Amino acid sequence: MKSPCELIVWHLLPAIRSELAKAIKKERFTQKEIAEKLGITPAAVSQYMSEKRGHDIEFPDNIKEMIKALAKRIVEEDLSEFVIMQEICVICLEARKSEILCGIHRKVEPEIPVKCDYWGKIEKCMGVH
């Protein structure tokens, strides 16, 4: 069985990075520049742009706005990779609260119960409210 943490690595983070890369690309940055800003490879950026990776999640509006705001900051400010990582973590936490991963988890693991409360339990462990 896939753990929710695997879903974050395989689905959520690539989807966030994909949206971020696309938003930065709109500002006429090259794939190489985007890769340098995000601390990923140009090949990963290419996969995000061609929707070979990171395209299987439709974010709710609040998450889309968080990603756009981070992209704007990346374009306008000289954010370090560390700051970008911190901001991506905030977006990831917010996305997890929206239960985006629950639908994906049920697709890859049909035996996940309908009344799964995994994220509620994990939020208590992490101190997220």
C-alpha atoms as a PDB file:
ATOM      1  CA  MET A   1       0.000   0.000   0.000  1.00  0.00           C
ATOM      2  CA  LYS A   2       1.267   3.463  -0.858  1.00  0.00           C
ATOM      3  CA  SER A   3       1.673   5.756   2.113  1.00  0.00           C
ATOM      4  CA  PRO A   4       0.309   9.308   2.014  1.00  0.00           C
ATOM      5  CA  CYS A   5       3.916  10.526   2.144  1.00  0.00           C
ATOM      6  CA  GLU A   6       4.606   8.728  -1.147  1.00  0.00           C
ATOM      7  CA  LEU A   7       1.623  10.523  -2.666  1.00  0.00           C
ATOM      8  CA  ILE A   8       3.148  13.840  -1.654  1.00  0.00           C
ATOM      9  CA  VAL A   9       6.438  12.989  -3.364  1.00  0.00           C
ATOM     10  CA  TRP A  10       4.921  11.415  -6.479  1.00  0.00           C
ATOM     11  CA  HIS A  11       1.875  13.645  -6.992  1.00  0.00           C
ATOM     12  CA  LEU A  12       1.547  16.747  -4.818  1.00  0.00           C
ATOM     13  CA  LEU A  13       5.069  18.203  -4.963  1.00  0.00           C
ATOM     14  CA  PRO A  14       5.366  17.685  -8.733  1.00  0.00           C
ATOM     15  CA  ALA A  15       1.958  19.322  -9.205  1.00  0.00           C
ATOM     16  CA  ILE A  16       2.977  22.334  -7.103  1.00  0.00           C
ATOM     17  CA  ARG A  17       6.296  22.635  -8.943  1.00  0.00           C
ATOM     18  CA  SER A  18       4.536  22.268 -12.283  1.00  0.00           C
ATOM     19  CA  GLU A  19       2.127  25.111 -11.557  1.00  0.00           C
ATOM     20  CA  LEU A  20       4.965  27.212 -10.189  1.00  0.00           C
ATOM     21  CA  ALA A  21       7.141  26.592 -13.251  1.00  0.00           C
ATOM     22  CA  LYS A  22       4.271  27.451 -15.615  1.00  0.00           C
ATOM     23  CA  ALA A  23       3.534  30.680 -13.725  1.00  0.00           C
ATOM     24  CA  ILE A  24       7.198  31.699 -13.829  1.00  0.00           C
ATOM     25  CA  LYS A  25       7.426  30.790 -17.530  1.00  0.00           C
ATOM     26  CA  LYS A  26       4.672  33.348 -18.250  1.00  0.00           C
ATOM     27  CA  GLU A  27       7.156  35.996 -17.139  1.00  0.00           C
ATOM     28  CA  ARG A  28       9.454  34.987 -20.016  1.00  0.00           C
ATOM     29  CA  PHE A  29      11.952  32.992 -17.980  1.00  0.00           C
ATOM     30  CA  THR A  30      13.785  30.185 -19.748  1.00  0.00           C
ATOM     31  CA  GLN A  31      13.484  26.601 -18.578  1.00  0.00           C
ATOM     32  CA  LYS A  32      17.089  26.793 -17.397  1.00  0.00           C
ATOM     33  CA  GLU A  33      16.356  29.925 -15.336  1.00  0.00           C
ATOM     34  CA  ILE A  34      13.238  28.317 -13.857  1.00  0.00           C
ATOM     35  CA  ALA A  35      15.249  25.216 -12.945  1.00  0.00           C
ATOM     36  CA  GLU A  36      17.894  27.346 -11.223  1.00  0.00           C
ATOM     37  CA  LYS A  37      15.265  29.295  -9.281  1.00  0.00           C
ATOM     38  CA  LEU A  38      13.466  26.147  -8.104  1.00  0.00           C
ATOM     39  CA  GLY A  39      16.561  24.031  -7.532  1.00  0.00           C
ATOM     40  CA  ILE A  40      15.456  21.350  -9.995  1.00  0.00           C
ATOM     41  CA  THR A  41      16.787  20.136 -13.326  1.00  0.00           C
ATOM     42  CA  PRO A  42      15.898  21.695 -16.692  1.00  0.00           C
ATOM     43  CA  ALA A  43      14.621  18.223 -17.665  1.00  0.00           C
ATOM     44  CA  ALA A  44      12.124  18.336 -14.776  1.00  0.00           C
ATOM     45  CA  VAL A  45      10.955  21.781 -15.907  1.00  0.00           C
ATOM     46  CA  SER A  46      10.525  20.410 -19.435  1.00  0.00           C
ATOM     47  CA  GLN A  47       8.379  17.567 -18.100  1.00  0.00           C
ATOM     48  CA  TYR A  48       6.246  20.025 -16.152  1.00  0.00           C
ATOM     49  CA  MET A  49       5.769  22.250 -19.201  1.00  0.00           C
ATOM     50  CA  SER A  50       4.811  19.327 -21.443  1.00  0.00           C
ATOM     51  CA  GLU A  51       2.509  17.941 -18.737  1.00  0.00           C
ATOM     52  CA  LYS A  52       4.337  14.629 -18.632  1.00  0.00           C
ATOM     53  CA  ARG A  53       4.679  15.128 -14.895  1.00  0.00           C
ATOM     54  CA  GLY A  54       2.757  17.007 -12.219  1.00  0.00           C
ATOM     55  CA  HIS A  55      -0.506  17.465 -14.081  1.00  0.00           C
ATOM     56  CA  ASP A  56      -2.802  15.053 -12.239  1.00  0.00           C
ATOM     57  CA  ILE A  57      -4.067  17.417  -9.546  1.00  0.00           C
ATOM     58  CA  GLU A  58      -6.604  20.203  -9.948  1.00  0.00           C
ATOM     59  CA  PHE A  59      -5.966  22.654  -7.139  1.00  0.00           C
ATOM     60  CA  PRO A  60      -8.715  24.623  -5.421  1.00  0.00           C
ATOM     61  CA  ASP A  61      -8.617  28.386  -5.937  1.00  0.00           C
ATOM     62  CA  ASN A  62      -6.894  29.165  -2.636  1.00  0.00           C
ATOM     63  CA  ILE A  63      -3.970  26.876  -3.505  1.00  0.00           C
ATOM     64  CA  LYS A  64      -3.771  28.309  -7.037  1.00  0.00           C
ATOM     65  CA  GLU A  65      -3.553  31.790  -5.525  1.00  0.00           C
ATOM     66  CA  MET A  66      -0.795  30.724  -3.124  1.00  0.00           C
ATOM     67  CA  ILE A  67       1.202  29.281  -6.022  1.00  0.00           C
ATOM     68  CA  LYS A  68       0.696  32.420  -8.137  1.00  0.00           C
ATOM     69  CA  ALA A  69       1.760  34.618  -5.223  1.00  0.00           C
ATOM     70  CA  LEU A  70       4.924  32.579  -4.729  1.00  0.00           C
ATOM     71  CA  ALA A  71       5.676  32.701  -8.461  1.00  0.00           C
ATOM     72  CA  LYS A  72       5.310  36.483  -8.369  1.00  0.00           C
ATOM     73  CA  ARG A  73       7.713  36.697  -5.432  1.00  0.00           C
ATOM     74  CA  ILE A  74      10.194  34.433  -7.213  1.00  0.00           C
ATOM     75  CA  VAL A  75      10.059  36.674 -10.288  1.00  0.00           C
ATOM     76  CA  GLU A  76      10.178  39.998  -8.417  1.00  0.00           C
ATOM     77  CA  GLU A  77      12.436  39.173  -5.475  1.00  0.00           C
ATOM     78  CA  ASP A  78      15.705  37.346  -5.228  1.00  0.00           C
ATOM     79  CA  LEU A  79      14.360  34.510  -3.066  1.00  0.00           C
ATOM     80  CA  SER A  80      16.827  31.867  -2.001  1.00  0.00           C
ATOM     81  CA  GLU A  81      16.129  28.200  -2.694  1.00  0.00           C
ATOM     82  CA  PHE A  82      15.658  27.804   1.074  1.00  0.00           C
ATOM     83  CA  VAL A  83      12.907  30.438   1.200  1.00  0.00           C
ATOM     84  CA  ILE A  84      11.239  28.922  -1.872  1.00  0.00           C
ATOM     85  CA  MET A  85      11.364  25.505  -0.197  1.00  0.00           C
ATOM     86  CA  GLN A  86       9.746  26.925   2.936  1.00  0.00           C
ATOM     87  CA  GLU A  87       6.975  28.515   0.902  1.00  0.00           C
ATOM     88  CA  ILE A  88       6.368  25.298  -1.040  1.00  0.00           C
ATOM     89  CA  CYS A  89       6.030  23.508   2.317  1.00  0.00           C
ATOM     90  CA  VAL A  90       3.342  25.990   3.376  1.00  0.00           C
ATOM     91  CA  ILE A  91       1.477  25.376   0.111  1.00  0.00           C
ATOM     92  CA  CYS A  92       1.869  21.612   0.560  1.00  0.00           C
ATOM     93  CA  LEU A  93       0.416  21.747   4.081  1.00  0.00           C
ATOM     94  CA  GLU A  94      -2.517  23.824   2.902  1.00  0.00           C
ATOM     95  CA  ALA A  95      -3.150  21.444  -0.005  1.00  0.00           C
ATOM     96  CA  ARG A  96      -3.086  18.475   2.341  1.00  0.00           C
ATOM     97  CA  LYS A  97      -5.741  20.132   4.497  1.00  0.00           C
ATOM     98  CA  SER A  98      -7.981  20.386   1.420  1.00  0.00           C
ATOM     99  CA  GLU A  99      -8.039  16.575   1.111  1.00  0.00           C
ATOM    100  CA  ILE A 100      -6.675  16.676  -2.444  1.00  0.00           C
ATOM    101  CA  LEU A 101      -4.609  13.589  -1.735  1.00  0.00           C
ATOM    102  CA  CYS A 102      -7.591  11.574  -0.514  1.00  0.00           C
ATOM    103  CA  GLY A 103      -9.014  11.235  -4.028  1.00  0.00           C
ATOM    104  CA  ILE A 104      -5.635  10.303  -5.461  1.00  0.00           C
ATOM    105  CA  HIS A 105      -5.059   7.817  -2.652  1.00  0.00           C
ATOM    106  CA  ARG A 106      -8.381   6.118  -3.386  1.00  0.00           C
ATOM    107  CA  LYS A 107      -7.485   5.896  -7.093  1.00  0.00           C
ATOM    108  CA  VAL A 108      -4.186   4.135  -6.422  1.00  0.00           C
ATOM    109  CA  GLU A 109      -5.416   2.186  -3.371  1.00  0.00           C
ATOM    110  CA  PRO A 110      -9.129   1.323  -3.765  1.00  0.00           C
ATOM    111  CA  GLU A 111      -9.293  -0.245  -0.296  1.00  0.00           C
ATOM    112  CA  ILE A 112      -8.811   3.115   1.432  1.00  0.00           C
ATOM    113  CA  PRO A 113     -11.969   3.605   3.547  1.00  0.00           C
ATOM    114  CA  VAL A 114     -14.385   6.351   2.582  1.00  0.00           C
ATOM    115  CA  LYS A 115     -14.217   7.722   6.132  1.00  0.00           C
ATOM    116  CA  CYS A 116     -10.411   7.841   6.277  1.00  0.00           C
ATOM    117  CA  ASP A 117      -9.227  10.405   8.834  1.00  0.00           C
ATOM    118  CA  TYR A 118      -5.489  10.027   8.292  1.00  0.00           C
ATOM    119  CA  TRP A 119      -4.816  13.722   7.628  1.00  0.00           C
ATOM    120  CA  GLY A 120      -6.737  14.781  10.722  1.00  0.00           C
ATOM    121  CA  LYS A 121      -4.568  12.520  12.846  1.00  0.00           C
ATOM    122  CA  ILE A 122      -1.312  13.599  11.209  1.00  0.00           C
ATOM    123  CA  GLU A 123      -2.166  17.305  11.601  1.00  0.00           C
ATOM    124  CA  LYS A 124      -2.345  16.793  15.360  1.00  0.00           C
ATOM    125  CA  CYS A 125       1.124  15.217  15.292  1.00  0.00           C
ATOM    126  CA  MET A 126       2.490  18.123  13.255  1.00  0.00           C
ATOM    127  CA  GLY A 127       0.789  20.830  15.303  1.00  0.00           C
ATOM    128  CA  VAL A 128      -1.203  22.061  12.290  1.00  0.00           C
ATOM    129  CA  HIS A 129      -4.544  23.659  13.069  1.00  0.00           C
END
